[in-house]
C-alpha atoms as a PDB file:
ATOM      1  CA  MET A   1     -57.084 -56.187  19.923  1.00  0.00           C
ATOM      2  CA  LEU A   2     -60.198 -57.550  21.692  1.00  0.00           C
ATOM      3  CA  PRO A   3     -61.920 -56.198  24.713  1.00  0.00           C
ATOM      4  CA  THR A   4     -61.542 -59.032  27.203  1.00  0.00           C
ATOM      5  CA  LYS A   5     -63.426 -60.017  30.137  1.00  0.00           C
ATOM      6  CA  PHE A   6     -61.458 -60.708  33.180  1.00  0.00           C
ATOM      7  CA  PRO A   7     -62.046 -62.317  36.573  1.00  0.00           C
ATOM      8  CA  GLU A   8     -62.156 -59.043  38.549  1.00  0.00           C
ATOM      9  CA  SER A   9     -64.744 -57.556  36.072  1.00  0.00           C
ATOM     10  CA  ASN A  10     -67.842 -55.964  37.742  1.00  0.00           C
ATOM     11  CA  ILE A  11     -69.296 -53.751  34.914  1.00  0.00           C
ATOM     12  CA  ALA A  12     -70.178 -54.169  31.205  1.00  0.00           C
ATOM     13  CA  PHE A  13     -69.845 -50.630  29.178  1.00  0.00           C
ATOM     14  CA  ARG A  14     -72.434 -50.673  26.442  1.00  0.00           C
ATOM     15  CA  PRO A  15     -72.451 -48.149  23.440  1.00  0.00           C
ATOM     16  CA  PRO A  16     -73.568 -44.846  24.237  1.00  0.00           C
ATOM     17  CA  PRO A  17     -77.166 -44.041  22.827  1.00  0.00           C
ATOM     18  CA  ASP A  18     -75.924 -42.512  19.509  1.00  0.00           C
ATOM     19  CA  LEU A  19     -73.848 -45.689  18.639  1.00  0.00           C
ATOM     20  CA  GLU A  20     -74.710 -49.007  17.657  1.00  0.00           C
ATOM     21  CA  GLU A  21     -73.202 -52.158  19.221  1.00  0.00           C
ATOM     22  CA  SER A  22     -71.499 -52.785  15.515  1.00  0.00           C
ATOM     23  CA  GLN A  23     -69.916 -49.125  15.990  1.00  0.00           C
ATOM     24  CA  CYS A  24     -68.733 -49.668  19.782  1.00  0.00           C
ATOM     25  CA  GLY A  25     -68.898 -53.003  21.158  1.00  0.00           C
ATOM     26  CA  VAL A  26     -69.526 -54.062  24.941  1.00  0.00           C
ATOM     27  CA  VAL A  27     -66.213 -53.521  26.863  1.00  0.00           C
ATOM     28  CA  HIS A  28     -66.214 -55.651  30.257  1.00  0.00           C
ATOM     29  CA  GLY A  29     -64.406 -53.655  33.139  1.00  0.00           C
ATOM     30  CA  PHE A  30     -63.713 -53.052  36.764  1.00  0.00           C
ATOM     31  CA  THR A  31     -64.749 -50.165  38.654  1.00  0.00           C
ATOM     32  CA  GLY A  32     -63.710 -49.136  42.115  1.00  0.00           C
ATOM     33  CA  GLU A  33     -61.762 -46.957  43.984  1.00  0.00           C
ATOM     34  CA  ILE A  34     -57.756 -46.319  44.367  1.00  0.00           C
ATOM     35  CA  THR A  35     -56.609 -47.201  47.726  1.00  0.00           C
ATOM     36  CA  GLY A  36     -53.107 -46.039  48.778  1.00  0.00           C
ATOM     37  CA  GLY A  37     -50.431 -43.835  47.004  1.00  0.00           C
ATOM     38  CA  SER A  38     -50.828 -40.366  45.430  1.00  0.00           C
ATOM     39  CA  CYS A  39     -54.325 -41.144  44.080  1.00  0.00           C
ATOM     40  CA  ASP A  40     -55.832 -42.664  47.145  1.00  0.00           C
ATOM     41  CA  GLY A  41     -59.569 -42.405  47.111  1.00  0.00           C
ATOM     42  CA  LEU A  42     -59.749 -41.360  43.528  1.00  0.00           C
ATOM     43  CA  PRO A  43     -62.462 -43.298  41.402  1.00  0.00           C
ATOM     44  CA  LEU A  44     -61.036 -45.958  38.942  1.00  0.00           C
ATOM     45  CA  ILE A  45     -61.841 -47.812  35.716  1.00  0.00           C
ATOM     46  CA  VAL A  46     -59.818 -50.867  34.416  1.00  0.00           C
ATOM     47  CA  VAL A  47     -60.521 -52.655  31.223  1.00  0.00           C
ATOM     48  CA  ALA A  48     -58.380 -55.257  29.360  1.00  0.00           C
ATOM     49  CA  TRP A  49     -57.568 -55.855  25.695  1.00  0.00           C
ATOM     50  CA  ARG A  50     -56.056 -59.089  24.462  1.00  0.00           C
ATOM     51  CA  PRO A  51     -53.759 -58.689  21.256  1.00  0.00           C
ATOM     52  CA  THR A  52     -54.512 -61.248  18.361  1.00  0.00           C
ATOM     53  CA  ALA A  53     -51.667 -63.584  17.467  1.00  0.00           C
ATOM     54  CA  GLU A  54     -50.893 -61.173  14.596  1.00  0.00           C
ATOM     55  CA  GLU A  55     -50.761 -58.214  16.976  1.00  0.00           C
ATOM     56  CA  LEU A  56     -48.670 -60.046  19.444  1.00  0.00           C
ATOM     57  CA  GLU A  57     -46.367 -60.843  16.681  1.00  0.00           C
ATOM     58  CA  GLU A  58     -46.125 -57.127  15.775  1.00  0.00           C
ATOM     59  CA  ILE A  59     -45.682 -56.094  19.523  1.00  0.00           C
ATOM     60  CA  ASN A  60     -42.820 -58.507  19.915  1.00  0.00           C
ATOM     61  CA  LYS A  61     -40.845 -56.942  17.114  1.00  0.00           C
ATOM     62  CA  GLY A  62     -41.439 -53.526  18.811  1.00  0.00           C
ATOM     63  CA  ALA A  63     -44.679 -52.273  17.313  1.00  0.00           C
ATOM     64  CA  CYS A  64     -46.439 -49.318  19.271  1.00  0.00           C
ATOM     65  CA  ILE A  65     -49.750 -49.984  20.993  1.00  0.00           C
ATOM     66  CA  TYR A  66     -52.155 -47.152  20.016  1.00  0.00           C
ATOM     67  CA  LEU A  67     -54.820 -46.024  22.394  1.00  0.00           C
ATOM     68  CA  SER A  68     -57.867 -44.322  20.562  1.00  0.00           C
ATOM     69  CA  LEU A  69     -60.695 -42.133  22.203  1.00  0.00           C
ATOM     70  CA  ILE A  70     -63.678 -41.032  20.705  1.00  0.00           C
ATOM     71  CA  ALA A  71     -63.687 -38.087  22.787  1.00  0.00           C
ATOM     72  CA  ASN A  72     -62.953 -34.176  23.162  1.00  0.00           C
ATOM     73  CA  GLY A  73     -60.283 -34.825  25.335  1.00  0.00           C
ATOM     74  CA  LEU A  74     -57.644 -37.293  27.292  1.00  0.00           C
ATOM     75  CA  PRO A  75     -58.303 -38.353  30.425  1.00  0.00           C
ATOM     76  CA  PRO A  76     -55.562 -39.449  32.511  1.00  0.00           C
ATOM     77  CA  HIS A  77     -54.755 -43.258  31.890  1.00  0.00           C
ATOM     78  CA  PHE A  78     -51.766 -45.933  31.734  1.00  0.00           C
ATOM     79  CA  LEU A  79     -51.292 -49.401  30.513  1.00  0.00           C
ATOM     80  CA  THR A  80     -49.944 -52.300  32.528  1.00  0.00           C
ATOM     81  CA  THR A  81     -50.240 -56.229  32.178  1.00  0.00           C
ATOM     82  CA  SER A  82     -50.766 -56.465  35.909  1.00  0.00           C
ATOM     83  CA  PHE A  83     -54.287 -55.987  37.480  1.00  0.00           C
ATOM     84  CA  HIS A  84     -52.474 -55.337  40.955  1.00  0.00           C
ATOM     85  CA  GLN A  85     -50.475 -52.393  39.262  1.00  0.00           C
ATOM     86  CA  ALA A  86     -53.831 -51.404  37.476  1.00  0.00           C
ATOM     87  CA  THR A  87     -55.473 -50.839  40.798  1.00  0.00           C
ATOM     88  CA  THR A  88     -52.584 -49.241  42.765  1.00  0.00           C
ATOM     89  CA  PRO A  89     -51.133 -46.631  40.779  1.00  0.00           C
ATOM     90  CA  VAL A  90     -48.127 -44.898  42.233  1.00  0.00           C
END
């Protein structure tokens, strides 16, 4: 999948100082605050990834989508195809 800039993008996440852009590319995203629901007032980051034609074919066959984080923990997160749902979790 390829990181995708989307209309609501308002930030570009660049590689950390210890990684080159060839190791960790720029990812455009949205930063804001959740308004409403059980997470009201919490900070929010949204990024978008677009599957390639080959990946889309695999997804349509029921393949899993894997999320990899180069980190020591797993922050709360979720996946959706709707920017509205991405910014208003229940």
